[in-house]
């Protein structure tokens, strides 16, 4: 009977022989026998060797996958997944401020006209002819006027009043002037007097109707209900 070297390395009291393409394993000192077709075996509850189950009795071959871009590595059965992590690029730099326009130069003044030359008197003679009259000097041309400067851009407008009744210390909506420059999250002050006002932020503004909605105040001085 030939010795099975692989099984003998695991359990040194097993003899094996081949019969009909199957490995027959015998336990010494016992008449029991079983047919083993698996390359990996384990001891059964009856003391005989039985086939071991992959991923239950022992870890099978590992398959590595790379799904996802976040989270930790996971293993399920014989599959190990390792996400492909990615780094964000750096933030871009801020742009530079534009330069101011140049002021218009004033026009140059015209040059003064020179005076005409005086006519010389005719020479005295006997019955001499009279001298010719002097021509008048030419007038100087006037200087050109400087070009007019262009008007500057119209600035943002915020100053306004409201006749809507409102109680200090609350969020709310009032009607103010139209075509103003209020924007969302802009800080504003609703003032009745120097000792009665509140500071809050804009929620919305309709430049056509003048409806201004604002959040609860971050600071309130004084109290009361006012409409102008």
Protein backbone atom coordinates (compact mmCIF):
# COMPACT_ATOMS: atom_id res chain seq x y z
CA UNK A 1 0.00 0.00 0.00
CA UNK A 2 1.51 3.34 -1.07
CA UNK A 3 1.92 6.16 1.43
CA UNK A 4 0.04 9.46 0.54
CA UNK A 5 2.68 12.07 1.43
CA UNK A 6 0.35 15.11 1.51
CA UNK A 7 -2.14 13.51 3.91
CA UNK A 8 0.67 11.91 5.91
CA UNK A 9 2.13 15.37 6.60
CA UNK A 10 -1.22 16.42 8.15
CA UNK A 11 -2.15 13.20 10.01
CA UNK A 12 0.65 10.65 10.47
CA UNK A 13 -1.56 7.63 11.06
CA UNK A 14 -3.35 7.64 7.67
CA UNK A 15 -2.58 5.28 4.77
CA UNK A 16 -4.07 5.92 1.31
CA UNK A 17 -4.28 4.20 -2.08
CA UNK A 18 -5.90 5.08 -5.40
CA UNK A 19 -8.86 3.07 -6.69
CA UNK A 20 -10.96 4.04 -9.71
CA UNK A 21 -9.58 7.64 -9.85
CA UNK A 22 -10.52 8.35 -6.18
CA UNK A 23 -8.27 8.51 -3.12
CA UNK A 24 -9.31 5.93 -0.52
CA UNK A 25 -8.24 6.84 3.01
CA UNK A 26 -7.92 4.22 5.74
CA UNK A 27 -7.63 4.88 9.48
CA UNK A 28 -5.19 2.48 11.10
CA UNK A 29 -6.64 0.19 13.73
CA UNK A 30 -10.19 0.54 12.33
CA UNK A 31 -12.22 -1.20 9.61
CA UNK A 32 -13.97 2.11 8.67
CA UNK A 33 -13.11 3.79 5.38
CA UNK A 34 -14.31 6.76 3.31
CA UNK A 35 -13.69 8.21 -0.14
CA UNK A 36 -12.00 11.68 -0.10
CA UNK A 37 -12.29 13.83 -3.31
CA UNK A 38 -11.27 17.19 -1.79
CA UNK A 39 -7.70 18.51 -1.61
CA UNK A 40 -8.42 19.89 1.89
CA UNK A 41 -9.92 17.64 4.62
CA UNK A 42 -10.94 17.97 8.26
CA UNK A 43 -11.87 15.58 11.08
CA UNK A 44 -15.58 14.72 11.13
CA UNK A 45 -17.72 14.17 14.22
CA UNK A 46 -17.35 10.39 13.84
CA UNK A 47 -13.56 10.55 13.77
CA UNK A 48 -13.28 10.11 9.97
CA UNK A 49 -11.75 12.67 7.59
CA UNK A 50 -14.29 14.60 5.55
CA UNK A 51 -13.89 17.35 2.84
CA UNK A 52 -13.38 20.87 4.24
CA UNK A 53 -15.65 23.71 2.97
CA UNK A 54 -13.94 26.74 1.35
CA UNK A 55 -14.67 30.12 3.10
CA UNK A 56 -16.28 28.17 5.99
CA UNK A 57 -13.52 25.86 7.27
CA UNK A 58 -10.68 27.75 5.62
CA UNK A 59 -10.13 31.04 3.70
CA UNK A 60 -10.31 30.63 -0.09
CA UNK A 61 -8.39 32.74 -2.66
CA UNK A 62 -8.85 36.51 -2.21
CA UNK A 63 -10.19 38.64 -5.10
CA UNK A 64 -9.22 42.34 -4.84
CA UNK A 65 -11.59 45.05 -6.23
CA UNK A 66 -11.30 48.89 -6.26
CA UNK A 67 -14.88 50.21 -6.21
CA UNK A 68 -15.79 53.61 -4.70
CA UNK A 69 -13.72 56.69 -3.72
CA UNK A 70 -14.37 56.95 0.02
CA UNK A 71 -14.73 54.82 3.19
CA UNK A 72 -12.60 52.00 4.56
CA UNK A 73 -11.58 48.70 2.98
CA UNK A 74 -14.14 45.85 3.33
CA UNK A 75 -14.07 42.09 2.88
CA UNK A 76 -17.10 39.95 2.00
CA UNK A 77 -16.55 36.23 1.47
CA UNK A 78 -13.44 36.02 -0.67
CA UNK A 79 -13.72 39.60 -2.09
CA UNK A 80 -11.55 42.43 -0.64
CA UNK A 81 -12.61 45.92 -1.80
CA UNK A 82 -10.21 48.89 -1.40
CA UNK A 83 -11.67 52.30 -2.49
CA UNK A 84 -9.63 54.57 -4.78
CA UNK A 85 -9.11 57.74 -2.74
CA UNK A 86 -8.83 61.12 -4.50
CA UNK A 87 -7.44 64.46 -3.27
CA UNK A 88 -9.06 67.86 -4.04
CA UNK A 89 -6.97 70.46 -5.91
CA UNK A 90 -5.87 73.73 -4.22
CA UNK A 91 -8.17 76.77 -4.26
CA UNK A 92 -7.53 79.38 -6.99
CA UNK A 93 -6.06 82.78 -6.13
CA UNK A 94 -8.19 85.97 -6.01
CA UNK A 95 -8.16 88.36 -9.00
CA UNK A 96 -6.53 91.81 -8.81
CA UNK A 97 -8.57 95.01 -8.47
CA UNK A 98 -9.04 97.21 -11.60
CA UNK A 99 -7.27 100.58 -11.89
CA UNK A 100 -9.18 103.91 -11.65
CA UNK A 101 -9.85 105.99 -14.81
CA UNK A 102 -7.78 109.14 -15.52
CA UNK A 103 -9.25 112.64 -15.12
CA UNK A 104 -9.92 114.79 -18.27
CA UNK A 105 -7.39 117.58 -18.89
CA UNK A 106 -8.52 121.23 -19.25
CA UNK A 107 -8.45 122.90 -22.73
CA UNK A 108 -5.53 125.22 -23.52
CA UNK A 109 -6.08 129.04 -23.60
CA UNK A 110 -5.92 130.95 -26.94
CA UNK A 111 -2.93 133.21 -27.72
CA UNK A 112 -3.35 137.01 -27.60
CA UNK A 113 -3.42 138.87 -30.92
CA UNK A 114 -0.48 141.15 -31.71
CA UNK A 115 -1.20 144.87 -32.31
CA UNK A 116 -1.01 146.24 -35.88
CA UNK A 117 1.91 148.46 -36.84
CA UNK A 118 1.35 152.21 -37.00
CA UNK A 119 1.38 153.82 -40.42
CA UNK A 120 4.31 156.14 -41.10
CA UNK A 121 3.49 159.73 -42.05
CA UNK A 122 3.98 160.76 -45.65
CA UNK A 123 7.08 162.75 -46.38
CA UNK A 124 6.67 166.47 -46.78
CA UNK A 125 7.34 167.72 -50.26
CA UNK A 126 6.09 170.06 -52.61
CA UNK A 127 2.60 169.01 -53.21
CA UNK A 128 3.63 165.52 -52.24
CA UNK A 129 1.23 162.67 -52.40
CA UNK A 130 -0.45 161.56 -49.19
CA UNK A 131 0.85 158.43 -47.48
CA UNK A 132 -1.11 155.22 -47.72
CA UNK A 133 -3.20 154.14 -44.75
CA UNK A 134 -1.85 151.29 -42.62
CA UNK A 135 -3.75 148.06 -42.59
CA UNK A 136 -5.10 146.83 -39.28
CA UNK A 137 -3.35 143.86 -37.61
CA UNK A 138 -5.03 140.43 -37.91
CA UNK A 139 -7.04 139.20 -34.94
CA UNK A 140 -5.69 136.20 -32.99
CA UNK A 141 -7.72 133.02 -33.20
CA UNK A 142 -9.40 131.89 -30.01
CA UNK A 143 -8.00 128.82 -28.18
CA UNK A 144 -9.91 125.53 -28.40
CA UNK A 145 -12.00 124.53 -25.41
CA UNK A 146 -10.97 121.41 -23.40
CA UNK A 147 -13.05 118.26 -23.84
CA UNK A 148 -15.65 117.59 -21.16
CA UNK A 149 -14.96 114.70 -18.70
CA UNK A 150 -17.38 111.77 -18.76
CA UNK A 151 -19.69 111.36 -15.79
CA UNK A 152 -18.81 108.69 -13.21
CA UNK A 153 -20.93 105.55 -12.66
CA UNK A 154 -23.99 105.89 -10.46
CA UNK A 155 -23.28 104.38 -7.04
CA UNK A 156 -25.45 101.88 -5.11
CA UNK A 157 -28.46 103.41 -3.36
CA UNK A 158 -29.71 102.32 0.07
CA UNK A 159 -31.16 105.34 1.93
CA UNK A 160 -34.95 105.08 2.16
CA UNK A 161 -37.94 105.35 4.51
CA UNK A 162 -41.05 103.25 5.20
CA UNK A 163 -44.57 103.93 6.48
CA UNK A 164 -45.21 100.25 7.33
CA UNK A 165 -46.08 99.68 11.02
CA UNK A 166 -43.39 97.53 12.69
CA UNK A 167 -42.50 96.42 16.25
CA UNK A 168 -38.79 96.48 17.17
CA UNK A 169 -37.14 93.18 18.15
CA UNK A 170 -38.80 91.00 15.48
CA UNK A 171 -38.28 89.61 11.99
CA UNK A 172 -40.72 90.95 9.41
CA UNK A 173 -41.49 92.59 6.06
CA UNK A 174 -41.85 96.31 5.35
CA UNK A 175 -42.33 98.34 2.15
CA UNK A 176 -39.51 100.76 1.33
CA UNK A 177 -38.31 102.63 -1.78
CA UNK A 178 -37.95 100.86 -5.15
CA UNK A 179 -34.89 100.31 -7.40
CA UNK A 180 -32.50 100.17 -4.43
CA UNK A 181 -29.45 97.91 -4.05
CA UNK A 182 -30.28 95.61 -1.13
CA UNK A 183 -29.06 91.97 -1.48
CA UNK A 184 -29.62 88.72 0.42
CA UNK A 185 -27.64 88.37 3.73
CA UNK A 186 -26.74 92.08 3.71
CA UNK A 187 -26.63 93.66 7.18
CA UNK A 188 -29.14 96.51 7.65
CA UNK A 189 -30.31 98.81 10.47
CA UNK A 190 -34.01 99.63 10.92
CA UNK A 191 -34.05 102.97 12.80
CA UNK A 192 -36.79 105.03 14.42
CA UNK A 193 -34.35 107.16 16.43
CA UNK A 194 -30.81 107.05 17.83
CA UNK A 195 -32.09 105.10 20.87
CA UNK A 196 -34.70 102.95 19.10
CA UNK A 197 -33.37 100.66 16.34
CA UNK A 198 -32.44 97.06 15.47
CA UNK A 199 -29.68 95.41 13.43
CA UNK A 200 -30.62 92.43 11.20
CA UNK A 201 -29.96 90.74 7.82
CA UNK A 202 -31.88 90.90 4.51
CA UNK A 203 -33.78 87.76 3.46
CA UNK A 204 -35.20 89.18 0.20
CA UNK A 205 -35.86 92.52 -1.56
CA UNK A 206 -38.17 93.22 -4.53
CA UNK A 207 -36.78 96.27 -6.34
CA UNK A 208 -40.06 96.73 -8.27
CA UNK A 209 -42.53 96.67 -5.35
CA UNK A 210 -40.09 97.79 -2.61
CA UNK A 211 -40.96 94.81 -0.36
CA UNK A 212 -38.05 94.14 2.07
CA UNK A 213 -38.05 90.96 4.19
CA UNK A 214 -35.52 90.63 7.03
CA UNK A 215 -34.52 88.10 9.71
CA UNK A 216 -34.79 88.34 13.51
CA UNK A 217 -32.42 91.03 14.84
CA UNK A 218 -28.89 90.33 16.06
CA UNK A 219 -29.06 93.49 18.21
CA UNK A 220 -31.99 95.62 19.41
CA UNK A 221 -31.90 98.98 21.19
CA UNK A 222 -35.19 100.25 22.67
CA UNK A 223 -38.67 98.88 21.99
CA UNK A 224 -42.05 99.85 20.62
CA UNK A 225 -44.17 99.83 17.44
CA UNK A 226 -43.57 102.52 14.81
CA UNK A 227 -44.73 103.39 11.29
CA UNK A 228 -42.49 106.29 10.27
